[in-house]
Protein backbone atom coordinates (compact mmCIF):
# COMPACT_ATOMS: atom_id res chain seq x y z
CA MET A 1 5.68 7.44 -7.42
CA ARG A 2 5.02 3.86 -8.39
CA HIS A 3 1.97 1.91 -7.31
CA THR A 4 1.31 -1.73 -7.83
CA ARG A 5 -1.68 -2.64 -9.95
CA PHE A 6 -3.42 -3.92 -6.84
CA GLY A 7 -2.86 -0.61 -5.06
CA LYS A 8 -4.28 1.51 -7.88
CA ARG A 9 -7.20 -0.82 -8.41
CA SER A 10 -7.96 -0.78 -4.71
CA VAL A 11 -7.99 3.02 -4.64
CA ILE A 12 -10.19 3.19 -7.73
CA CYS A 13 -12.58 0.55 -6.35
CA LEU A 14 -12.80 2.34 -3.02
CA PHE A 15 -13.49 5.59 -4.82
CA PHE A 16 -16.34 4.08 -6.83
CA ILE A 17 -17.76 2.36 -3.74
CA PHE A 18 -17.64 5.74 -2.01
CA LEU A 19 -19.54 7.29 -4.91
CA LEU A 20 -22.17 4.55 -4.80
CA VAL A 21 -22.84 4.73 -1.07
CA THR A 22 -22.60 8.50 -0.68
CA PRO A 23 -25.99 10.13 -0.91
CA ILE A 24 -26.48 12.18 -4.05
CA THR A 25 -27.45 15.17 -1.93
CA VAL A 26 -23.83 15.50 -0.83
CA PHE A 27 -22.90 16.24 -4.43
CA ALA A 28 -26.02 18.27 -5.20
CA ALA A 29 -24.70 21.47 -3.65
CA ASP A 30 -21.31 21.31 -5.33
CA THR A 31 -20.38 19.90 -8.68
CA ALA A 32 -17.55 17.41 -8.45
CA LYS A 33 -14.56 18.34 -10.56
CA PHE A 34 -12.16 15.60 -11.54
CA GLY A 35 -8.74 15.78 -13.14
CA ALA A 36 -6.22 13.30 -14.45
CA ILE A 37 -2.54 13.89 -14.95
CA ASP A 38 0.11 12.01 -16.87
CA VAL A 39 3.02 12.36 -14.44
CA GLN A 40 5.41 10.59 -16.82
CA LYS A 41 4.69 13.21 -19.50
CA VAL A 42 5.49 16.02 -17.06
CA LEU A 43 8.71 14.23 -16.07
CA ASN A 44 9.73 13.81 -19.72
CA GLU A 45 8.59 17.13 -21.19
CA SER A 46 9.13 19.70 -18.43
CA GLU A 47 12.24 21.85 -18.60
CA ALA A 48 13.44 20.36 -15.30
CA GLY A 49 12.84 16.85 -16.63
CA LYS A 50 14.71 17.56 -19.86
CA LYS A 51 17.61 19.07 -17.90
CA ALA A 52 17.69 16.07 -15.55
CA LYS A 53 17.79 13.74 -18.55
CA THR A 54 20.65 15.72 -20.11
CA ASP A 55 22.57 15.74 -16.81
CA LEU A 56 22.06 11.99 -16.46
CA GLU A 57 23.19 11.35 -20.03
CA GLY A 58 26.32 13.42 -19.37
CA LEU A 59 27.10 11.38 -16.27
CA ILE A 60 26.55 8.14 -18.19
CA LYS A 61 28.89 9.27 -20.99
CA SER A 62 31.62 10.31 -18.55
CA LYS A 63 31.39 6.99 -16.70
CA GLN A 64 31.41 5.08 -20.00
CA ILE A 65 34.61 6.84 -21.08
CA ILE A 66 36.35 5.81 -17.85
CA ILE A 67 35.05 2.23 -18.16
CA ASP A 68 36.18 2.03 -21.81
CA GLU A 69 39.66 3.29 -20.91
CA LYS A 70 39.96 0.69 -18.17
CA GLY A 71 38.77 -2.01 -20.61
CA LYS A 72 41.41 -0.99 -23.16
CA SER A 73 44.07 -1.12 -20.46
CA ILE A 74 43.00 -4.67 -19.58
CA GLU A 75 43.00 -5.73 -23.24
CA LYS A 76 46.53 -4.31 -23.63
CA LEU A 77 47.69 -6.19 -20.54
CA LYS A 78 46.17 -9.44 -21.90
CA ALA A 79 47.88 -8.89 -25.26
CA ASP A 80 51.22 -8.20 -23.54
CA ILE A 81 50.94 -11.42 -21.52
CA GLU A 82 50.16 -13.43 -24.67
CA LYS A 83 53.05 -11.84 -26.62
CA GLN A 84 55.54 -12.39 -23.81
CA ALA A 85 54.27 -15.83 -22.75
CA SER A 86 57.19 -17.68 -24.34
CA VAL A 87 59.90 -15.44 -22.86
CA LEU A 88 58.49 -14.89 -19.37
CA SER A 89 59.63 -17.00 -16.45
CA ALA A 90 56.95 -18.89 -14.53
CA ASP A 91 57.13 -16.35 -11.68
CA ALA A 92 56.96 -13.35 -14.02
CA ARG A 93 54.03 -14.91 -15.89
CA LYS A 94 52.25 -15.60 -12.60
CA ASN A 95 52.79 -11.98 -11.50
CA LYS A 96 51.38 -10.68 -14.80
CA GLU A 97 48.34 -12.97 -14.52
CA GLU A 98 47.73 -11.83 -10.93
CA GLU A 99 48.00 -8.23 -12.09
CA LEU A 100 45.45 -9.00 -14.84
CA GLU A 101 43.06 -10.57 -12.31
CA LYS A 102 43.43 -7.53 -10.06
CA GLU A 103 42.69 -5.23 -13.02
CA LEU A 104 39.62 -7.32 -13.92
CA ARG A 105 38.29 -7.07 -10.35
CA GLU A 106 38.86 -3.31 -10.37
CA TYR A 107 37.07 -3.11 -13.73
CA GLN A 108 34.06 -5.03 -12.37
CA ARG A 109 33.99 -2.83 -9.27
CA LEU A 110 34.20 0.29 -11.46
CA VAL A 111 31.25 -0.89 -13.57
CA GLN A 112 29.16 -1.72 -10.47
CA ASP A 113 30.03 1.56 -8.74
CA SER A 114 29.24 3.53 -11.90
CA GLN A 115 25.88 1.81 -12.30
CA ALA A 116 25.02 2.45 -8.65
CA GLU A 117 26.02 6.12 -8.93
CA ILE A 118 23.93 6.58 -12.08
CA LYS A 119 20.93 4.85 -10.49
CA LYS A 120 21.21 7.03 -7.37
CA LYS A 121 21.55 10.21 -9.42
CA GLU A 122 18.49 9.26 -11.48
CA ALA A 123 16.48 8.54 -8.32
CA ASP A 124 17.55 11.85 -6.73
CA LEU A 125 16.67 13.88 -9.84
CA THR A 126 13.34 12.11 -10.29
CA GLU A 127 12.37 12.41 -6.63
CA THR A 128 13.06 16.16 -6.63
CA ILE A 129 10.91 16.70 -9.71
CA LEU A 130 8.13 14.42 -8.41
CA LYS A 131 7.99 16.35 -5.14
CA ASP A 132 7.65 19.61 -7.07
CA ILE A 133 4.95 18.08 -9.29
CA ARG A 134 3.00 16.82 -6.25
CA ASP A 135 3.19 20.29 -4.69
CA MET A 136 2.02 21.84 -7.97
CA ILE A 137 -0.89 19.40 -8.24
CA ASP A 138 -1.94 20.21 -4.65
CA LYS A 139 -1.85 23.91 -5.46
CA ILE A 140 -3.83 23.52 -8.69
CA GLY A 141 -6.30 21.21 -6.97
CA GLU A 142 -7.01 23.76 -4.27
CA GLU A 143 -6.98 26.88 -6.47
CA GLU A 144 -9.12 25.41 -9.22
CA GLY A 145 -11.56 23.53 -7.00
CA TYR A 146 -10.84 19.94 -7.97
CA THR A 147 -12.56 17.22 -5.99
CA LEU A 148 -10.12 14.56 -7.15
CA ILE A 149 -6.98 14.45 -9.28
CA ILE A 150 -5.71 11.03 -10.28
CA GLU A 151 -2.71 9.72 -12.14
CA LYS A 152 -3.59 8.82 -15.71
CA GLY A 153 -1.47 5.66 -15.94
CA MET A 154 -4.07 3.08 -14.89
CA ILE A 155 -7.20 4.71 -16.27
CA LEU A 156 -8.77 2.81 -19.13
CA TYR A 157 -10.97 5.69 -20.24
CA SER A 158 -11.35 9.31 -19.29
CA SER A 159 -12.89 12.33 -20.90
CA LYS A 160 -10.29 14.61 -22.44
CA GLY A 161 -11.80 17.38 -20.32
CA ILE A 162 -10.41 16.01 -17.06
CA ASP A 163 -6.80 15.76 -18.31
CA ILE A 164 -4.89 18.58 -16.62
CA THR A 165 -1.39 17.42 -17.61
CA ASP A 166 -0.66 20.32 -19.97
CA PRO A 167 -1.70 23.07 -17.51
CA VAL A 168 0.35 21.39 -14.76
CA LEU A 169 3.33 21.11 -17.11
CA LYS A 170 3.01 24.79 -18.11
CA LYS A 171 2.64 26.04 -14.52
CA TYR A 172 5.49 23.82 -13.36
CA ASP A 173 7.84 25.25 -15.99
CA GLU A 174 6.68 28.80 -15.17
CA LEU A 175 7.29 28.24 -11.47
CA ARG A 176 10.77 26.81 -12.13
CA THR A 177 11.61 29.75 -14.43
CA LYS A 178 10.48 32.29 -11.79
CA SER A 179 12.42 30.56 -9.00
CA ARG A 180 15.66 30.73 -11.03
CA LYS A 181 15.40 34.51 -11.45
C-alpha cells in the first residue's frame, strides 16, 4: 500500500487537527492507545514474505536461463553469418540476416514478457501478504483496544512503546502456520 507524501501528510495533519479541536473530555473516559507498524519489515521478515521472495527469485533465475540461452543462440547465428559472409550468395546472406532480425525481435519480446511476468508475480504475492497484514492489524487493533494504528514509514519520531511491528509479525506467522495445518 503506497501513499504519496501529500496523502500521508494530509492524514497526519487531519489527525492532529482532530486532536486539537476535539474536547479533552472525549478522551478523559478512555485512554487513547496508538500503535505504529513497519509494514515493509513484516513483508521482508515474515515467513510468507521470505517464501514469496524465494519464489520470485526462482522465477527470475528460470527466466534468466531462458533469456541467456536465447542470447547465446543469437550470438552463434551472428558468428555463423560473419564466418560464412564471403561464401554466401546475396540471397542466402539476406535470408540469414532476416533470420537474425527475427531472432532479435523474439529475444526482445522474451525479455519484455519475462519482465512483465515477474512484475505481475511480485505484485500478486505482495498484494496477498498485504491483505493478510491489513486483516491482522484490524484484528489486533480491535482485540487490544487501539485507537489508531499508523504505518511507520512517514513518522519522524515515535515512542518505541507504540511500535507493534514485532507482535504483528509474530501473530501473522503463527496464523499462517496454523492455516497450513
